[in-house]
Each structure stands twice: as C-alpha cells, then as structure tokens.
PDB file of all heavy atoms in Angstrom:
ATOM      1  N   LYS A   1     137.826  66.699  -0.962  1.00  0.00           N
ATOM      2  CA  LYS A   1     139.100  67.146  -0.393  1.00  0.00           C
ATOM      3  C   LYS A   1     139.495  68.495  -0.987  1.00  0.00           C
ATOM      4  O   LYS A   1     139.892  69.411  -0.262  1.00  0.00           O
ATOM      5  CB  LYS A   1     140.198  66.116  -0.657  1.00  0.00           C
ATOM      6  CG  LYS A   1     141.557  66.525  -0.073  1.00  0.00           C
ATOM      7  CD  LYS A   1     142.611  65.463  -0.313  1.00  0.00           C
ATOM      8  CE  LYS A   1     143.954  65.907   0.278  1.00  0.00           C
ATOM      9  NZ  LYS A   1     145.021  64.885   0.065  1.00  0.00           N
ATOM     10  N   ALA A   2     139.375  68.634  -2.300  1.00  0.00           N
ATOM     11  CA  ALA A   2     139.717  69.899  -2.952  1.00  0.00           C
ATOM     12  C   ALA A   2     138.802  71.021  -2.477  1.00  0.00           C
ATOM     13  O   ALA A   2     139.248  72.139  -2.206  1.00  0.00           O
ATOM     14  CB  ALA A   2     139.627  69.743  -4.469  1.00  0.00           C
ATOM     15  N   ALA A   3     137.507  70.717  -2.363  1.00  0.00           N
ATOM     16  CA  ALA A   3     136.548  71.727  -1.913  1.00  0.00           C
ATOM     17  C   ALA A   3     136.837  72.152  -0.480  1.00  0.00           C
ATOM     18  O   ALA A   3     136.724  73.338  -0.128  1.00  0.00           O
ATOM     19  CB  ALA A   3     135.131  71.195  -2.027  1.00  0.00           C
ATOM     20  N   SER A   4     137.218  71.202   0.361  1.00  0.00           N
ATOM     21  CA  SER A   4     137.526  71.503   1.757  1.00  0.00           C
ATOM     22  C   SER A   4     138.738  72.418   1.868  1.00  0.00           C
ATOM     23  O   SER A   4     138.752  73.369   2.656  1.00  0.00           O
ATOM     24  CB  SER A   4     137.767  70.208   2.532  1.00  0.00           C
ATOM     25  OG  SER A   4     138.113  70.478   3.866  1.00  0.00           O
ATOM     26  N   ILE A   5     139.770  72.142   1.084  1.00  0.00           N
ATOM     27  CA  ILE A   5     140.967  72.991   1.087  1.00  0.00           C
ATOM     28  C   ILE A   5     140.608  74.405   0.647  1.00  0.00           C
ATOM     29  O   ILE A   5     141.036  75.398   1.246  1.00  0.00           O
ATOM     30  CB  ILE A   5     142.050  72.401   0.171  1.00  0.00           C
ATOM     31  CG1 ILE A   5     142.543  71.062   0.727  1.00  0.00           C
ATOM     32  CG2 ILE A   5     143.222  73.374   0.017  1.00  0.00           C
ATOM     33  CD1 ILE A   5     143.467  70.308  -0.211  1.00  0.00           C
ATOM     34  N   LEU A   6     139.793  74.504  -0.408  1.00  0.00           N
ATOM     35  CA  LEU A   6     139.380  75.816  -0.909  1.00  0.00           C
ATOM     36  C   LEU A   6     138.589  76.570   0.156  1.00  0.00           C
ATOM     37  O   LEU A   6     138.805  77.772   0.367  1.00  0.00           O
ATOM     38  CB  LEU A   6     138.537  75.645  -2.172  1.00  0.00           C
ATOM     39  CG  LEU A   6     138.216  76.922  -2.951  1.00  0.00           C
ATOM     40  CD1 LEU A   6     139.468  77.431  -3.671  1.00  0.00           C
ATOM     41  CD2 LEU A   6     137.110  76.674  -3.969  1.00  0.00           C
ATOM     42  N   GLU A   7     137.682  75.870   0.826  1.00  0.00           N
ATOM     43  CA  GLU A   7     136.845  76.510   1.842  1.00  0.00           C
ATOM     44  C   GLU A   7     137.667  77.017   3.019  1.00  0.00           C
ATOM     45  O   GLU A   7     137.348  78.054   3.612  1.00  0.00           O
ATOM     46  CB  GLU A   7     135.780  75.538   2.328  1.00  0.00           C
ATOM     47  CG  GLU A   7     134.792  76.147   3.298  1.00  0.00           C
ATOM     48  CD  GLU A   7     133.520  75.327   3.436  1.00  0.00           C
ATOM     49  OE1 GLU A   7     133.230  74.514   2.542  1.00  0.00           O
ATOM     50  OE2 GLU A   7     132.816  75.524   4.432  1.00  0.00           O
ATOM     51  N   GLN A   8     138.748  76.317   3.339  1.00  0.00           N
ATOM     52  CA  GLN A   8     139.596  76.720   4.454  1.00  0.00           C
ATOM     53  C   GLN A   8     140.609  77.797   4.061  1.00  0.00           C
ATOM     54  O   GLN A   8     141.398  78.229   4.900  1.00  0.00           O
ATOM     55  CB  GLN A   8     140.325  75.498   4.998  1.00  0.00           C
ATOM     56  CG  GLN A   8     139.396  74.460   5.622  1.00  0.00           C
ATOM     57  CD  GLN A   8     140.110  73.169   5.961  1.00  0.00           C
ATOM     58  OE1 GLN A   8     141.303  73.159   6.236  1.00  0.00           O
ATOM     59  NE2 GLN A   8     139.385  72.062   5.918  1.00  0.00           N
ATOM     60  N   GLY A   9     140.559  78.229   2.803  1.00  0.00           N
ATOM     61  CA  GLY A   9     141.460  79.287   2.354  1.00  0.00           C
ATOM     62  C   GLY A   9     142.841  78.814   1.972  1.00  0.00           C
ATOM     63  O   GLY A   9     143.753  79.628   1.784  1.00  0.00           O
ATOM     64  N   GLY A  10     143.019  77.500   1.826  1.00  0.00           N
ATOM     65  CA  GLY A  10     144.320  76.964   1.460  1.00  0.00           C
ATOM     66  C   GLY A  10     144.548  76.964  -0.040  1.00  0.00           C
ATOM     67  O   GLY A  10     143.694  77.372  -0.832  1.00  0.00           O
ATOM     68  N   ASP A  11     145.717  76.497  -0.440  1.00  0.00           N
ATOM     69  CA  ASP A  11     146.072  76.401  -1.855  1.00  0.00           C
ATOM     70  C   ASP A  11     145.486  75.094  -2.401  1.00  0.00           C
ATOM     71  O   ASP A  11     146.023  74.011  -2.156  1.00  0.00           O
ATOM     72  CB  ASP A  11     147.591  76.417  -2.019  1.00  0.00           C
ATOM     73  CG  ASP A  11     148.029  76.384  -3.475  1.00  0.00           C
ATOM     74  OD1 ASP A  11     147.144  76.291  -4.364  1.00  0.00           O
ATOM     75  OD2 ASP A  11     149.246  76.431  -3.743  1.00  0.00           O
ATOM     76  N   ALA A  12     144.394  75.214  -3.130  1.00  0.00           N
ATOM     77  CA  ALA A  12     143.680  74.031  -3.620  1.00  0.00           C
ATOM     78  C   ALA A  12     144.044  73.673  -5.057  1.00  0.00           C
ATOM     79  O   ALA A  12     143.452  72.747  -5.622  1.00  0.00           O
ATOM     80  CB  ALA A  12     142.173  74.261  -3.523  1.00  0.00           C
ATOM     81  N   THR A  13     145.003  74.377  -5.647  1.00  0.00           N
ATOM     82  CA  THR A  13     145.279  74.209  -7.075  1.00  0.00           C
ATOM     83  C   THR A  13     145.644  72.772  -7.438  1.00  0.00           C
ATOM     84  O   THR A  13     145.095  72.187  -8.371  1.00  0.00           O
ATOM     85  CB  THR A  13     146.399  75.157  -7.516  1.00  0.00           C
ATOM     86  OG1 THR A  13     145.979  76.504  -7.293  1.00  0.00           O
ATOM     87  CG2 THR A  13     146.718  74.969  -8.994  1.00  0.00           C
ATOM     88  N   ARG A  14     146.572  72.193  -6.698  1.00  0.00           N
ATOM     89  CA  ARG A  14     147.020  70.841  -7.014  1.00  0.00           C
ATOM     90  C   ARG A  14     145.881  69.846  -6.863  1.00  0.00           C
ATOM     91  O   ARG A  14     145.632  69.023  -7.754  1.00  0.00           O
ATOM     92  CB  ARG A  14     148.183  70.446  -6.106  1.00  0.00           C
ATOM     93  CG  ARG A  14     148.702  69.023  -6.326  1.00  0.00           C
ATOM     94  CD  ARG A  14     149.921  68.760  -5.439  1.00  0.00           C
ATOM     95  NE  ARG A  14     150.415  67.409  -5.605  1.00  0.00           N
ATOM     96  CZ  ARG A  14     149.966  66.344  -4.923  1.00  0.00           C
ATOM     97  NH1 ARG A  14     148.983  66.512  -4.037  1.00  0.00           N
ATOM     98  NH2 ARG A  14     150.474  65.151  -5.130  1.00  0.00           N
ATOM     99  N   GLN A  15     145.153  69.921  -5.752  1.00  0.00           N
ATOM    100  CA  GLN A  15     144.087  68.965  -5.499  1.00  0.00           C
ATOM    101  C   GLN A  15     142.933  69.148  -6.475  1.00  0.00           C
ATOM    102  O   GLN A  15     142.313  68.176  -6.906  1.00  0.00           O
ATOM    103  CB  GLN A  15     143.588  69.094  -4.063  1.00  0.00           C
ATOM    104  CG  GLN A  15     142.663  67.973  -3.628  1.00  0.00           C
ATOM    105  CD  GLN A  15     143.315  66.598  -3.666  1.00  0.00           C
ATOM    106  OE1 GLN A  15     144.500  66.462  -3.314  1.00  0.00           O
ATOM    107  NE2 GLN A  15     142.577  65.590  -4.096  1.00  0.00           N
ATOM    108  N   ALA A  16     142.628  70.403  -6.827  1.00  0.00           N
ATOM    109  CA  ALA A  16     141.547  70.661  -7.780  1.00  0.00           C
ATOM    110  C   ALA A  16     141.892  70.097  -9.151  1.00  0.00           C
ATOM    111  O   ALA A  16     141.041  69.521  -9.835  1.00  0.00           O
ATOM    112  CB  ALA A  16     141.268  72.159  -7.873  1.00  0.00           C
ATOM    113  N   GLN A  17     143.145  70.258  -9.562  1.00  0.00           N
ATOM    114  CA  GLN A  17     143.567  69.721 -10.859  1.00  0.00           C
ATOM    115  C   GLN A  17     143.555  68.198 -10.850  1.00  0.00           C
ATOM    116  O   GLN A  17     143.121  67.559 -11.822  1.00  0.00           O
ATOM    117  CB  GLN A  17     144.970  70.224 -11.202  1.00  0.00           C
ATOM    118  CG  GLN A  17     145.506  69.719 -12.543  1.00  0.00           C
ATOM    119  CD  GLN A  17     144.679  70.190 -13.721  1.00  0.00           C
ATOM    120  OE1 GLN A  17     144.720  71.364 -14.068  1.00  0.00           O
ATOM    121  NE2 GLN A  17     143.919  69.290 -14.354  1.00  0.00           N
ATOM    122  N   LEU A  18     144.006  67.593  -9.757  1.00  0.00           N
ATOM    123  CA  LEU A  18     143.985  66.135  -9.653  1.00  0.00           C
ATOM    124  C   LEU A  18     142.553  65.611  -9.735  1.00  0.00           C
ATOM    125  O   LEU A  18     142.268  64.639 -10.448  1.00  0.00           O
ATOM    126  CB  LEU A  18     144.631  65.693  -8.342  1.00  0.00           C
ATOM    127  CG  LEU A  18     146.157  65.825  -8.238  1.00  0.00           C
ATOM    128  CD1 LEU A  18     146.613  65.503  -6.816  1.00  0.00           C
ATOM    129  CD2 LEU A  18     146.862  64.934  -9.240  1.00  0.00           C
ATOM    130  N   ALA A  19     141.649  66.256  -8.988  1.00  0.00           N
ATOM    131  CA  ALA A  19     140.250  65.820  -8.996  1.00  0.00           C
ATOM    132  C   ALA A  19     139.647  65.977 -10.390  1.00  0.00           C
ATOM    133  O   ALA A  19     138.945  65.078 -10.883  1.00  0.00           O
ATOM    134  CB  ALA A  19     139.451  66.623  -7.974  1.00  0.00           C
ATOM    135  N   TYR A  20     139.895  67.106 -11.031  1.00  0.00           N
ATOM    136  CA  TYR A  20     139.335  67.391 -12.353  1.00  0.00           C
ATOM    137  C   TYR A  20     139.837  66.383 -13.391  1.00  0.00           C
ATOM    138  O   TYR A  20     139.068  65.868 -14.205  1.00  0.00           O
ATOM    139  CB  TYR A  20     139.702  68.813 -12.753  1.00  0.00           C
ATOM    140  CG  TYR A  20     139.195  69.251 -14.101  1.00  0.00           C
ATOM    141  CD1 TYR A  20     137.828  69.340 -14.369  1.00  0.00           C
ATOM    142  CD2 TYR A  20     140.080  69.609 -15.117  1.00  0.00           C
ATOM    143  CE1 TYR A  20     137.360  69.759 -15.596  1.00  0.00           C
ATOM    144  CE2 TYR A  20     139.622  70.035 -16.357  1.00  0.00           C
ATOM    145  CZ  TYR A  20     138.265  70.099 -16.590  1.00  0.00           C
ATOM    146  OH  TYR A  20     137.811  70.508 -17.818  1.00  0.00           O
ATOM    147  N   THR A  21     141.124  66.094 -13.350  1.00  0.00           N
ATOM    148  CA  THR A  21     141.704  65.132 -14.299  1.00  0.00           C
ATOM    149  C   THR A  21     141.179  63.726 -14.042  1.00  0.00           C
ATOM    150  O   THR A  21     140.766  63.016 -14.970  1.00  0.00           O
ATOM    151  CB  THR A  21     143.240  65.138 -14.197  1.00  0.00           C
ATOM    152  OG1 THR A  21     143.729  66.454 -14.475  1.00  0.00           O
ATOM    153  CG2 THR A  21     143.850  64.158 -15.187  1.00  0.00           C
ATOM    154  N   TYR A  22     141.177  63.337 -12.775  1.00  0.00           N
ATOM    155  CA  TYR A  22     140.723  61.982 -12.419  1.00  0.00           C
ATOM    156  C   TYR A  22     139.246  61.798 -12.757  1.00  0.00           C
ATOM    157  O   TYR A  22     138.851  60.768 -13.328  1.00  0.00           O
ATOM    158  CB  TYR A  22     140.957  61.759 -10.927  1.00  0.00           C
ATOM    159  CG  TYR A  22     140.764  60.333 -10.479  1.00  0.00           C
ATOM    160  CD1 TYR A  22     141.784  59.395 -10.624  1.00  0.00           C
ATOM    161  CD2 TYR A  22     139.565  59.914  -9.909  1.00  0.00           C
ATOM    162  CE1 TYR A  22     141.613  58.083 -10.213  1.00  0.00           C
ATOM    163  CE2 TYR A  22     139.387  58.600  -9.503  1.00  0.00           C
ATOM    164  CZ  TYR A  22     140.408  57.687  -9.654  1.00  0.00           C
ATOM    165  OH  TYR A  22     140.231  56.391  -9.253  1.00  0.00           O
ATOM    166  N   CYS A  23     138.434  62.784 -12.410  1.00  0.00           N
ATOM    167  CA  CYS A  23     137.001  62.683 -12.688  1.00  0.00           C
ATOM    168  C   CYS A  23     136.727  62.682 -14.186  1.00  0.00           C
ATOM    169  O   CYS A  23     135.855  61.943 -14.674  1.00  0.00           O
ATOM    170  CB  CYS A  23     136.247  63.831 -12.014  1.00  0.00           C
ATOM    171  SG  CYS A  23     136.179  63.722 -10.216  1.00  0.00           S
ATOM    172  N   GLY A  24     137.452  63.495 -14.941  1.00  0.00           N
ATOM    173  CA  GLY A  24     137.250  63.543 -16.376  1.00  0.00           C
ATOM    174  C   GLY A  24     137.519  62.206 -17.046  1.00  0.00           C
ATOM    175  O   GLY A  24     136.764  61.758 -17.921  1.00  0.00           O
ATOM    176  N   GLU A  25     138.593  61.550 -16.634  1.00  0.00           N
ATOM    177  CA  GLU A  25     138.944  60.259 -17.219  1.00  0.00           C
ATOM    178  C   GLU A  25     137.950  59.164 -16.818  1.00  0.00           C
ATOM    179  O   GLU A  25     137.490  58.385 -17.657  1.00  0.00           O
ATOM    180  CB  GLU A  25     140.360  59.868 -16.792  1.00  0.00           C
ATOM    181  CG  GLU A  25     141.446  60.768 -17.376  1.00  0.00           C
ATOM    182  CD  GLU A  25     142.822  60.408 -16.859  1.00  0.00           C
ATOM    183  OE1 GLU A  25     142.906  59.534 -15.964  1.00  0.00           O
ATOM    184  OE2 GLU A  25     143.805  60.997 -17.347  1.00  0.00           O
ATOM    185  N   ASN A  26     137.625  59.103 -15.536  1.00  0.00           N
ATOM    186  CA  ASN A  26     136.803  58.009 -15.056  1.00  0.00           C
ATOM    187  C   ASN A  26     135.319  58.197 -15.339  1.00  0.00           C
ATOM    188  O   ASN A  26     134.593  57.219 -15.546  1.00  0.00           O
ATOM    189  CB  ASN A  26     137.045  57.802 -13.559  1.00  0.00           C
ATOM    190  CG  ASN A  26     138.376  57.136 -13.299  1.00  0.00           C
ATOM    191  OD1 ASN A  26     138.534  55.933 -13.490  1.00  0.00           O
ATOM    192  ND2 ASN A  26     139.362  57.916 -12.890  1.00  0.00           N
ATOM    193  N   ALA A  27     134.848  59.442 -15.358  1.00  0.00           N
ATOM    194  CA  ALA A  27     133.442  59.669 -15.699  1.00  0.00           C
ATOM    195  C   ALA A  27     133.168  59.217 -17.123  1.00  0.00           C
ATOM    196  O   ALA A  27     132.119  58.616 -17.407  1.00  0.00           O
ATOM    197  CB  ALA A  27     133.090  61.143 -15.529  1.00  0.00           C
ATOM    198  N   MET A  28     134.108  59.474 -18.019  1.00  0.00           N
ATOM    199  CA  MET A  28     133.912  59.057 -19.409  1.00  0.00           C
ATOM    200  C   MET A  28     133.976  57.539 -19.523  1.00  0.00           C
ATOM    201  O   MET A  28     133.210  56.924 -20.271  1.00  0.00           O
ATOM    202  CB  MET A  28     134.985  59.710 -20.286  1.00  0.00           C
ATOM    203  CG  MET A  28     134.629  59.757 -21.755  1.00  0.00           C
ATOM    204  SD  MET A  28     133.136  60.695 -22.084  1.00  0.00           S
ATOM    205  CE  MET A  28     132.084  59.443 -22.806  1.00  0.00           C
ATOM    206  N   TRP A  29     134.866  56.922 -18.749  1.00  0.00           N
ATOM    207  CA  TRP A  29     134.943  55.458 -18.759  1.00  0.00           C
ATOM    208  C   TRP A  29     133.649  54.845 -18.230  1.00  0.00           C
ATOM    209  O   TRP A  29     133.122  53.887 -18.801  1.00  0.00           O
ATOM    210  CB  TRP A  29     136.126  54.995 -17.907  1.00  0.00           C
ATOM    211  CG  TRP A  29     136.175  53.495 -17.768  1.00  0.00           C
ATOM    212  CD1 TRP A  29     136.632  52.600 -18.692  1.00  0.00           C
ATOM    213  CD2 TRP A  29     135.707  52.727 -16.651  1.00  0.00           C
ATOM    214  NE1 TRP A  29     136.484  51.311 -18.215  1.00  0.00           N
ATOM    215  CE2 TRP A  29     135.924  51.353 -16.974  1.00  0.00           C
ATOM    216  CE3 TRP A  29     135.140  53.049 -15.430  1.00  0.00           C
ATOM    217  CZ2 TRP A  29     135.582  50.330 -16.097  1.00  0.00           C
ATOM    218  CZ3 TRP A  29     134.801  52.017 -14.551  1.00  0.00           C
ATOM    219  CH2 TRP A  29     135.020  50.675 -14.889  1.00  0.00           C
ATOM    220  N   ILE A  30     133.122  55.388 -17.143  1.00  0.00           N
ATOM    221  CA  ILE A  30     131.884  54.861 -16.557  1.00  0.00           C
ATOM    222  C   ILE A  30     130.715  55.043 -17.513  1.00  0.00           C
ATOM    223  O   ILE A  30     129.878  54.144 -17.676  1.00  0.00           O
ATOM    224  CB  ILE A  30     131.607  55.547 -15.198  1.00  0.00           C
ATOM    225  CG1 ILE A  30     132.626  55.082 -14.165  1.00  0.00           C
ATOM    226  CG2 ILE A  30     130.187  55.253 -14.719  1.00  0.00           C
ATOM    227  CD1 ILE A  30     132.583  55.848 -12.863  1.00  0.00           C
ATOM    228  N   ALA A  31     130.627  56.197 -18.165  1.00  0.00           N
ATOM    229  CA  ALA A  31     129.546  56.430 -19.127  1.00  0.00           C
ATOM    230  C   ALA A  31     129.627  55.449 -20.288  1.00  0.00           C
ATOM    231  O   ALA A  31     128.606  54.909 -20.736  1.00  0.00           O
ATOM    232  CB  ALA A  31     129.605  57.867 -19.640  1.00  0.00           C
ATOM    233  N   ASP A  32     130.830  55.195 -20.757  1.00  0.00           N
ATOM    234  CA  ASP A  32     131.011  54.247 -21.862  1.00  0.00           C
ATOM    235  C   ASP A  32     130.652  52.830 -21.422  1.00  0.00           C
ATOM    236  O   ASP A  32     129.995  52.085 -22.157  1.00  0.00           O
ATOM    237  CB  ASP A  32     132.458  54.304 -22.354  1.00  0.00           C
ATOM    238  CG  ASP A  32     132.689  53.416 -23.562  1.00  0.00           C
ATOM    239  OD1 ASP A  32     132.091  53.678 -24.616  1.00  0.00           O
ATOM    240  OD2 ASP A  32     133.464  52.441 -23.445  1.00  0.00           O
ATOM    241  N   GLU A  33     131.068  52.465 -20.213  1.00  0.00           N
ATOM    242  CA  GLU A  33     130.719  51.152 -19.684  1.00  0.00           C
ATOM    243  C   GLU A  33     129.204  50.998 -19.571  1.00  0.00           C
ATOM    244  O   GLU A  33     128.643  49.933 -19.848  1.00  0.00           O
ATOM    245  CB  GLU A  33     131.367  50.948 -18.310  1.00  0.00           C
ATOM    246  CG  GLU A  33     132.846  50.675 -18.361  1.00  0.00           C
ATOM    247  CD  GLU A  33     133.159  49.323 -18.983  1.00  0.00           C
ATOM    248  OE1 GLU A  33     132.803  48.290 -18.391  1.00  0.00           O
ATOM    249  OE2 GLU A  33     133.763  49.306 -20.072  1.00  0.00           O
TER     250      GLU A  33
END
C-alpha cells in the first residue's frame, strides 16, 4: 500500500512509517518465535 501511494506520486509518509514500524516489531517477533 505504501509503495503504491509512492508510485502514484501521493503523500506516502504516514503509510510508509506505519509499515516500517509494524514490520520492525513483527519481523523481530517472528524471528524470535
């Protein structure tokens, strides 16, 4: 979703930050699991 907004020239800041934060938290949880 963030990449699509960026590609269309929209303001992707909020979505990019949400994705980055969410992925950072859950990727570490999955790796630990």
